[in-house]
Amino acid sequence: MSHARPGLTTCSQYDAALHALSAARQRWAETSVNRRLALLRQIKDALAGIAPAWVAAAAAAKGLPAGDPLAGEEWLAGP
């Protein structure tokens, strides 16, 4: 899995993603609870791997220096 920094997203990319999401709604409704749990565990594990970088990026976007105690809020609100 790549953890490359994403680029800017265009409106047309958002529209395409929303269209794909909407088109898959029936398939999701038919997904078993066990499969949904497995997917959520995969998401949790992937997020745990990038959480420190996510917090650092969010803190930097707010202009907080590295190690600033206020960055702790990002651990609660972010990943």
PDB file of N, CA and C in Angstrom:
ATOM      1  N   MET A   1       0.848  -1.176   0.000  1.00  0.00           N
ATOM      2  CA  MET A   1       0.000   0.000   0.000  1.00  0.00           C
ATOM      3  C   MET A   1       0.890   1.234   0.000  1.00  0.00           C
ATOM      4  N   SER A   2       0.569   2.173  -0.840  1.00  0.00           N
ATOM      5  CA  SER A   2       1.350   3.401  -0.933  1.00  0.00           C
ATOM      6  C   SER A   2       0.824   4.432   0.054  1.00  0.00           C
ATOM      7  N   HIS A   3       1.759   5.133   0.661  1.00  0.00           N
ATOM      8  CA  HIS A   3       1.383   6.217   1.570  1.00  0.00           C
ATOM      9  C   HIS A   3       1.878   7.541   1.009  1.00  0.00           C
ATOM     10  N   ALA A   4       1.912   7.629  -0.318  1.00  0.00           N
ATOM     11  CA  ALA A   4       2.367   8.855  -0.961  1.00  0.00           C
ATOM     12  C   ALA A   4       1.404   9.983  -0.642  1.00  0.00           C
ATOM     13  N   ARG A   5       1.951  11.152  -0.566  1.00  0.00           N
ATOM     14  CA  ARG A   5       1.132  12.329  -0.290  1.00  0.00           C
ATOM     15  C   ARG A   5       0.228  12.597  -1.494  1.00  0.00           C
ATOM     16  N   PRO A   6      -1.068  12.718  -1.274  1.00  0.00           N
ATOM     17  CA  PRO A   6      -1.973  12.957  -2.397  1.00  0.00           C
ATOM     18  C   PRO A   6      -1.845  14.379  -2.927  1.00  0.00           C
ATOM     19  N   GLY A   7      -2.175  14.528  -4.192  1.00  0.00           N
ATOM     20  CA  GLY A   7      -2.193  15.853  -4.784  1.00  0.00           C
ATOM     21  C   GLY A   7      -3.538  16.514  -4.549  1.00  0.00           C
ATOM     22  N   LEU A   8      -3.726  17.654  -5.150  1.00  0.00           N
ATOM     23  CA  LEU A   8      -5.005  18.345  -5.035  1.00  0.00           C
ATOM     24  C   LEU A   8      -6.069  17.581  -5.813  1.00  0.00           C
ATOM     25  N   THR A   9      -7.262  17.595  -5.310  1.00  0.00           N
ATOM     26  CA  THR A   9      -8.368  16.908  -5.950  1.00  0.00           C
ATOM     27  C   THR A   9      -9.252  17.930  -6.644  1.00  0.00           C
ATOM     28  N   THR A  10      -9.622  17.622  -7.881  1.00  0.00           N
ATOM     29  CA  THR A  10     -10.469  18.532  -8.650  1.00  0.00           C
ATOM     30  C   THR A  10     -11.943  18.210  -8.398  1.00  0.00           C
ATOM     31  N   CYS A  11     -12.794  19.139  -8.770  1.00  0.00           N
ATOM     32  CA  CYS A  11     -14.241  18.919  -8.634  1.00  0.00           C
ATOM     33  C   CYS A  11     -14.682  17.717  -9.454  1.00  0.00           C
ATOM     34  N   SER A  12     -14.119  17.548 -10.643  1.00  0.00           N
ATOM     35  CA  SER A  12     -14.519  16.411 -11.473  1.00  0.00           C
ATOM     36  C   SER A  12     -14.089  15.090 -10.837  1.00  0.00           C
ATOM     37  N   GLN A  13     -12.961  15.079 -10.123  1.00  0.00           N
ATOM     38  CA  GLN A  13     -12.542  13.866  -9.421  1.00  0.00           C
ATOM     39  C   GLN A  13     -13.491  13.560  -8.263  1.00  0.00           C
ATOM     40  N   TYR A  14     -13.914  14.591  -7.545  1.00  0.00           N
ATOM     41  CA  TYR A  14     -14.907  14.385  -6.482  1.00  0.00           C
ATOM     42  C   TYR A  14     -16.211  13.861  -7.071  1.00  0.00           C
ATOM     43  N   ASP A  15     -16.652  14.461  -8.165  1.00  0.00           N
ATOM     44  CA  ASP A  15     -17.891  14.017  -8.804  1.00  0.00           C
ATOM     45  C   ASP A  15     -17.794  12.559  -9.233  1.00  0.00           C
ATOM     46  N   ALA A  16     -16.659  12.163  -9.812  1.00  0.00           N
ATOM     47  CA  ALA A  16     -16.472  10.781 -10.251  1.00  0.00           C
ATOM     48  C   ALA A  16     -16.478   9.825  -9.060  1.00  0.00           C
ATOM     49  N   ALA A  17     -15.835  10.224  -7.969  1.00  0.00           N
ATOM     50  CA  ALA A  17     -15.805   9.376  -6.775  1.00  0.00           C
ATOM     51  C   ALA A  17     -17.202   9.225  -6.182  1.00  0.00           C
ATOM     52  N   LEU A  18     -17.959  10.306  -6.139  1.00  0.00           N
ATOM     53  CA  LEU A  18     -19.327  10.238  -5.617  1.00  0.00           C
ATOM     54  C   LEU A  18     -20.221   9.390  -6.512  1.00  0.00           C
ATOM     55  N   HIS A  19     -20.015   9.480  -7.815  1.00  0.00           N
ATOM     56  CA  HIS A  19     -20.785   8.653  -8.750  1.00  0.00           C
ATOM     57  C   HIS A  19     -20.471   7.173  -8.519  1.00  0.00           C
ATOM     58  N   ALA A  20     -19.188   6.838  -8.377  1.00  0.00           N
ATOM     59  CA  ALA A  20     -18.796   5.448  -8.131  1.00  0.00           C
ATOM     60  C   ALA A  20     -19.369   4.948  -6.806  1.00  0.00           C
ATOM     61  N   LEU A  21     -19.344   5.797  -5.805  1.00  0.00           N
ATOM     62  CA  LEU A  21     -19.895   5.435  -4.502  1.00  0.00           C
ATOM     63  C   LEU A  21     -21.388   5.162  -4.603  1.00  0.00           C
ATOM     64  N   SER A  22     -22.095   6.024  -5.286  1.00  0.00           N
ATOM     65  CA  SER A  22     -23.533   5.855  -5.453  1.00  0.00           C
ATOM     66  C   SER A  22     -23.854   4.589  -6.252  1.00  0.00           C
ATOM     67  N   ALA A  23     -23.060   4.324  -7.280  1.00  0.00           N
ATOM     68  CA  ALA A  23     -23.292   3.151  -8.118  1.00  0.00           C
ATOM     69  C   ALA A  23     -23.071   1.848  -7.351  1.00  0.00           C
ATOM     70  N   ALA A  24     -22.262   1.881  -6.310  1.00  0.00           N
ATOM     71  CA  ALA A  24     -21.942   0.667  -5.551  1.00  0.00           C
ATOM     72  C   ALA A  24     -22.840   0.463  -4.335  1.00  0.00           C
ATOM     73  N   ARG A  25     -23.827   1.312  -4.151  1.00  0.00           N
ATOM     74  CA  ARG A  25     -24.620   1.232  -2.920  1.00  0.00           C
ATOM     75  C   ARG A  25     -25.357  -0.097  -2.779  1.00  0.00           C
ATOM     76  N   GLN A  26     -25.864  -0.656  -3.862  1.00  0.00           N
ATOM     77  CA  GLN A  26     -26.578  -1.934  -3.766  1.00  0.00           C
ATOM     78  C   GLN A  26     -25.619  -3.063  -3.393  1.00  0.00           C
ATOM     79  N   ARG A  27     -24.438  -3.035  -3.983  1.00  0.00           N
ATOM     80  CA  ARG A  27     -23.442  -4.060  -3.656  1.00  0.00           C
ATOM     81  C   ARG A  27     -23.058  -3.975  -2.177  1.00  0.00           C
ATOM     82  N   TRP A  28     -22.921  -2.746  -1.657  1.00  0.00           N
ATOM     83  CA  TRP A  28     -22.597  -2.577  -0.237  1.00  0.00           C
ATOM     84  C   TRP A  28     -23.738  -3.097   0.632  1.00  0.00           C
ATOM     85  N   ALA A  29     -24.970  -2.824   0.238  1.00  0.00           N
ATOM     86  CA  ALA A  29     -26.123  -3.289   1.014  1.00  0.00           C
ATOM     87  C   ALA A  29     -26.161  -4.814   1.083  1.00  0.00           C
ATOM     88  N   GLU A  30     -25.627  -5.472   0.068  1.00  0.00           N
ATOM     89  CA  GLU A  30     -25.616  -6.935   0.020  1.00  0.00           C
ATOM     90  C   GLU A  30     -24.374  -7.539   0.682  1.00  0.00           C
ATOM     91  N   THR A  31     -23.466  -6.710   1.147  1.00  0.00           N
ATOM     92  CA  THR A  31     -22.234  -7.188   1.781  1.00  0.00           C
ATOM     93  C   THR A  31     -22.545  -7.710   3.179  1.00  0.00           C
ATOM     94  N   SER A  32     -22.016  -8.885   3.478  1.00  0.00           N
ATOM     95  CA  SER A  32     -22.288  -9.494   4.785  1.00  0.00           C
ATOM     96  C   SER A  32     -21.648  -8.688   5.915  1.00  0.00           C
ATOM     97  N   VAL A  33     -22.184  -8.880   7.098  1.00  0.00           N
ATOM     98  CA  VAL A  33     -21.640  -8.205   8.274  1.00  0.00           C
ATOM     99  C   VAL A  33     -20.190  -8.618   8.486  1.00  0.00           C
ATOM    100  N   ASN A  34     -19.881  -9.901   8.320  1.00  0.00           N
ATOM    101  CA  ASN A  34     -18.501 -10.355   8.510  1.00  0.00           C
ATOM    102  C   ASN A  34     -17.549  -9.687   7.528  1.00  0.00           C
ATOM    103  N   ARG A  35     -17.967  -9.530   6.288  1.00  0.00           N
ATOM    104  CA  ARG A  35     -17.111  -8.867   5.295  1.00  0.00           C
ATOM    105  C   ARG A  35     -16.945  -7.394   5.647  1.00  0.00           C
ATOM    106  N   ARG A  36     -18.008  -6.751   6.089  1.00  0.00           N
ATOM    107  CA  ARG A  36     -17.914  -5.341   6.491  1.00  0.00           C
ATOM    108  C   ARG A  36     -16.943  -5.179   7.656  1.00  0.00           C
ATOM    109  N   LEU A  37     -17.022  -6.089   8.621  1.00  0.00           N
ATOM    110  CA  LEU A  37     -16.095  -6.039   9.754  1.00  0.00           C
ATOM    111  C   LEU A  37     -14.652  -6.212   9.291  1.00  0.00           C
ATOM    112  N   ALA A  38     -14.432  -7.124   8.358  1.00  0.00           N
ATOM    113  CA  ALA A  38     -13.083  -7.338   7.835  1.00  0.00           C
ATOM    114  C   ALA A  38     -12.570  -6.081   7.139  1.00  0.00           C
ATOM    115  N   LEU A  39     -13.422  -5.433   6.372  1.00  0.00           N
ATOM    116  CA  LEU A  39     -13.023  -4.198   5.692  1.00  0.00           C
ATOM    117  C   LEU A  39     -12.707  -3.093   6.697  1.00  0.00           C
ATOM    118  N   LEU A  40     -13.528  -2.965   7.720  1.00  0.00           N
ATOM    119  CA  LEU A  40     -13.286  -1.946   8.740  1.00  0.00           C
ATOM    120  C   LEU A  40     -11.987  -2.205   9.494  1.00  0.00           C
ATOM    121  N   ARG A  41     -11.672  -3.473   9.726  1.00  0.00           N
ATOM    122  CA  ARG A  41     -10.390  -3.791  10.376  1.00  0.00           C
ATOM    123  C   ARG A  41      -9.216  -3.402   9.480  1.00  0.00           C
ATOM    124  N   GLN A  42      -9.350  -3.648   8.184  1.00  0.00           N
ATOM    125  CA  GLN A  42      -8.295  -3.251   7.243  1.00  0.00           C
ATOM    126  C   GLN A  42      -8.106  -1.737   7.256  1.00  0.00           C
ATOM    127  N   ILE A  43      -9.205  -1.008   7.276  1.00  0.00           N
ATOM    128  CA  ILE A  43      -9.131   0.456   7.320  1.00  0.00           C
ATOM    129  C   ILE A  43      -8.454   0.906   8.608  1.00  0.00           C
ATOM    130  N   LYS A  44      -8.843   0.316   9.727  1.00  0.00           N
ATOM    131  CA  LYS A  44      -8.242   0.660  11.024  1.00  0.00           C
ATOM    132  C   LYS A  44      -6.739   0.422  11.005  1.00  0.00           C
ATOM    133  N   ASP A  45      -6.326  -0.721  10.490  1.00  0.00           N
ATOM    134  CA  ASP A  45      -4.899  -1.039  10.446  1.00  0.00           C
ATOM    135  C   ASP A  45      -4.141  -0.086   9.531  1.00  0.00           C
ATOM    136  N   ALA A  46      -4.732   0.255   8.396  1.00  0.00           N
ATOM    137  CA  ALA A  46      -4.081   1.187   7.465  1.00  0.00           C
ATOM    138  C   ALA A  46      -3.961   2.575   8.088  1.00  0.00           C
ATOM    139  N   LEU A  47      -5.002   3.022   8.765  1.00  0.00           N
ATOM    140  CA  LEU A  47      -4.957   4.337   9.410  1.00  0.00           C
ATOM    141  C   LEU A  47      -3.934   4.380  10.537  1.00  0.00           C
ATOM    142  N   ALA A  48      -3.814   3.287  11.275  1.00  0.00           N
ATOM    143  CA  ALA A  48      -2.834   3.250  12.365  1.00  0.00           C
ATOM    144  C   ALA A  48      -1.423   3.453  11.821  1.00  0.00           C
ATOM    145  N   GLY A  49      -1.171   2.959  10.624  1.00  0.00           N
ATOM    146  CA  GLY A  49       0.151   3.097  10.030  1.00  0.00           C
ATOM    147  C   GLY A  49       0.493   4.506   9.588  1.00  0.00           C
ATOM    148  N   ILE A  50      -0.524   5.282   9.262  1.00  0.00           N
ATOM    149  CA  ILE A  50      -0.263   6.643   8.774  1.00  0.00           C
ATOM    150  C   ILE A  50      -0.683   7.726   9.759  1.00  0.00           C
ATOM    151  N   ALA A  51      -1.214   7.323  10.908  1.00  0.00           N
ATOM    152  CA  ALA A  51      -1.717   8.300  11.876  1.00  0.00           C
ATOM    153  C   ALA A  51      -0.676   9.334  12.288  1.00  0.00           C
ATOM    154  N   PRO A  52       0.559   8.950  12.596  1.00  0.00           N
ATOM    155  CA  PRO A  52       1.537   9.977  12.989  1.00  0.00           C
ATOM    156  C   PRO A  52       1.777  11.018  11.894  1.00  0.00           C
ATOM    157  N   ALA A  53       1.853  10.566  10.648  1.00  0.00           N
ATOM    158  CA  ALA A  53       2.048  11.511   9.544  1.00  0.00           C
ATOM    159  C   ALA A  53       0.814  12.389   9.367  1.00  0.00           C
ATOM    160  N   TRP A  54      -0.370  11.825   9.547  1.00  0.00           N
ATOM    161  CA  TRP A  54      -1.624  12.569   9.445  1.00  0.00           C
ATOM    162  C   TRP A  54      -1.639  13.678  10.498  1.00  0.00           C
ATOM    163  N   VAL A  55      -1.317  13.330  11.726  1.00  0.00           N
ATOM    164  CA  VAL A  55      -1.304  14.312  12.812  1.00  0.00           C
ATOM    165  C   VAL A  55      -0.272  15.400  12.541  1.00  0.00           C
ATOM    166  N   ALA A  56       0.915  15.000  12.105  1.00  0.00           N
ATOM    167  CA  ALA A  56       1.971  15.981  11.823  1.00  0.00           C
ATOM    168  C   ALA A  56       1.550  16.932  10.707  1.00  0.00           C
ATOM    169  N   ALA A  57       0.930  16.399   9.655  1.00  0.00           N
ATOM    170  CA  ALA A  57       0.490  17.245   8.542  1.00  0.00           C
ATOM    171  C   ALA A  57      -0.608  18.206   8.984  1.00  0.00           C
ATOM    172  N   ALA A  58      -1.555  17.725   9.777  1.00  0.00           N
ATOM    173  CA  ALA A  58      -2.641  18.588  10.253  1.00  0.00           C
ATOM    174  C   ALA A  58      -2.102  19.684  11.164  1.00  0.00           C
ATOM    175  N   ALA A  59      -1.162  19.325  12.034  1.00  0.00           N
ATOM    176  CA  ALA A  59      -0.567  20.325  12.929  1.00  0.00           C
ATOM    177  C   ALA A  59       0.219  21.357  12.131  1.00  0.00           C
ATOM    178  N   ALA A  60       0.968  20.895  11.134  1.00  0.00           N
ATOM    179  CA  ALA A  60       1.739  21.818  10.299  1.00  0.00           C
ATOM    180  C   ALA A  60       0.814  22.754   9.532  1.00  0.00           C
ATOM    181  N   ALA A  61      -0.322  22.227   9.052  1.00  0.00           N
ATOM    182  CA  ALA A  61      -1.280  23.065   8.325  1.00  0.00           C
ATOM    183  C   ALA A  61      -1.843  24.165   9.217  1.00  0.00           C
ATOM    184  N   LYS A  62      -1.882  23.911  10.520  1.00  0.00           N
ATOM    185  CA  LYS A  62      -2.349  24.918  11.477  1.00  0.00           C
ATOM    186  C   LYS A  62      -1.220  25.814  11.963  1.00  0.00           C
ATOM    187  N   GLY A  63      -0.017  25.554  11.474  1.00  0.00           N
ATOM    188  CA  GLY A  63       1.118  26.372  11.872  1.00  0.00           C
ATOM    189  C   GLY A  63       1.694  26.011  13.231  1.00  0.00           C
ATOM    190  N   LEU A  64       1.384  24.821  13.724  1.00  0.00           N
ATOM    191  CA  LEU A  64       1.907  24.395  15.018  1.00  0.00           C
ATOM    192  C   LEU A  64       3.301  23.803  14.839  1.00  0.00           C
ATOM    193  N   PRO A  65       4.249  24.179  15.670  1.00  0.00           N
ATOM    194  CA  PRO A  65       5.583  23.589  15.568  1.00  0.00           C
ATOM    195  C   PRO A  65       5.567  22.120  15.994  1.00  0.00           C
ATOM    196  N   ALA A  66       6.536  21.356  15.499  1.00  0.00           N
ATOM    197  CA  ALA A  66       6.632  19.938  15.857  1.00  0.00           C
ATOM    198  C   ALA A  66       6.703  19.793  17.370  1.00  0.00           C
ATOM    199  N   GLY A  67       5.934  18.864  17.899  1.00  0.00           N
ATOM    200  CA  GLY A  67       5.933  18.611  19.331  1.00  0.00           C
ATOM    201  C   GLY A  67       5.047  19.524  20.149  1.00  0.00           C
ATOM    202  N   ASP A  68       4.364  20.452  19.510  1.00  0.00           N
ATOM    203  CA  ASP A  68       3.483  21.367  20.244  1.00  0.00           C
ATOM    204  C   ASP A  68       2.357  20.568  20.907  1.00  0.00           C
ATOM    205  N   PRO A  69       2.079  20.821  22.182  1.00  0.00           N
ATOM    206  CA  PRO A  69       1.014  20.086  22.872  1.00  0.00           C
ATOM    207  C   PRO A  69      -0.357  20.223  22.205  1.00  0.00           C
ATOM    208  N   LEU A  70      -0.598  21.322  21.517  1.00  0.00           N
ATOM    209  CA  LEU A  70      -1.896  21.493  20.851  1.00  0.00           C
ATOM    210  C   LEU A  70      -2.112  20.481  19.734  1.00  0.00           C
ATOM    211  N   ALA A  71      -1.026  19.881  19.246  1.00  0.00           N
ATOM    212  CA  ALA A  71      -1.166  18.855  18.211  1.00  0.00           C
ATOM    213  C   ALA A  71      -1.909  17.635  18.750  1.00  0.00           C
ATOM    214  N   GLY A  72      -1.980  17.515  20.064  1.00  0.00           N
ATOM    215  CA  GLY A  72      -2.725  16.410  20.660  1.00  0.00           C
ATOM    216  C   GLY A  72      -4.182  16.394  20.243  1.00  0.00           C
ATOM    217  N   GLU A  73      -4.729  17.558  19.939  1.00  0.00           N
ATOM    218  CA  GLU A  73      -6.118  17.617  19.472  1.00  0.00           C
ATOM    219  C   GLU A  73      -6.302  16.832  18.185  1.00  0.00           C
ATOM    220  N   GLU A  74      -5.260  16.787  17.367  1.00  0.00           N
ATOM    221  CA  GLU A  74      -5.357  16.066  16.099  1.00  0.00           C
ATOM    222  C   GLU A  74      -5.507  14.564  16.318  1.00  0.00           C
ATOM    223  N   TRP A  75      -4.941  14.064  17.406  1.00  0.00           N
ATOM    224  CA  TRP A  75      -5.107  12.639  17.700  1.00  0.00           C
ATOM    225  C   TRP A  75      -6.558  12.326  18.043  1.00  0.00           C
ATOM    226  N   LEU A  76      -7.271  13.286  18.587  1.00  0.00           N
ATOM    227  CA  LEU A  76      -8.672  13.070  18.939  1.00  0.00           C
ATOM    228  C   LEU A  76      -9.601  13.309  17.760  1.00  0.00           C
ATOM    229  N   ALA A  77      -9.308  14.316  16.965  1.00  0.00           N
ATOM    230  CA  ALA A  77     -10.201  14.705  15.877  1.00  0.00           C
ATOM    231  C   ALA A  77      -9.826  14.072  14.547  1.00  0.00           C
ATOM    232  N   GLY A  78      -8.557  13.713  14.365  1.00  0.00           N
ATOM    233  CA  GLY A  78      -8.096  13.210  13.074  1.00  0.00           C
ATOM    234  C   GLY A  78      -8.197  11.710  12.945  1.00  0.00           C
ATOM    235  N   PRO A  79      -7.030  11.053  12.996  1.00  0.00           N
ATOM    236  CA  PRO A  79      -7.037   9.615  12.748  1.00  0.00           C
ATOM    237  C   PRO A  79      -7.744   8.903  13.860  1.00  0.00           C
TER     238      PRO A  79
END
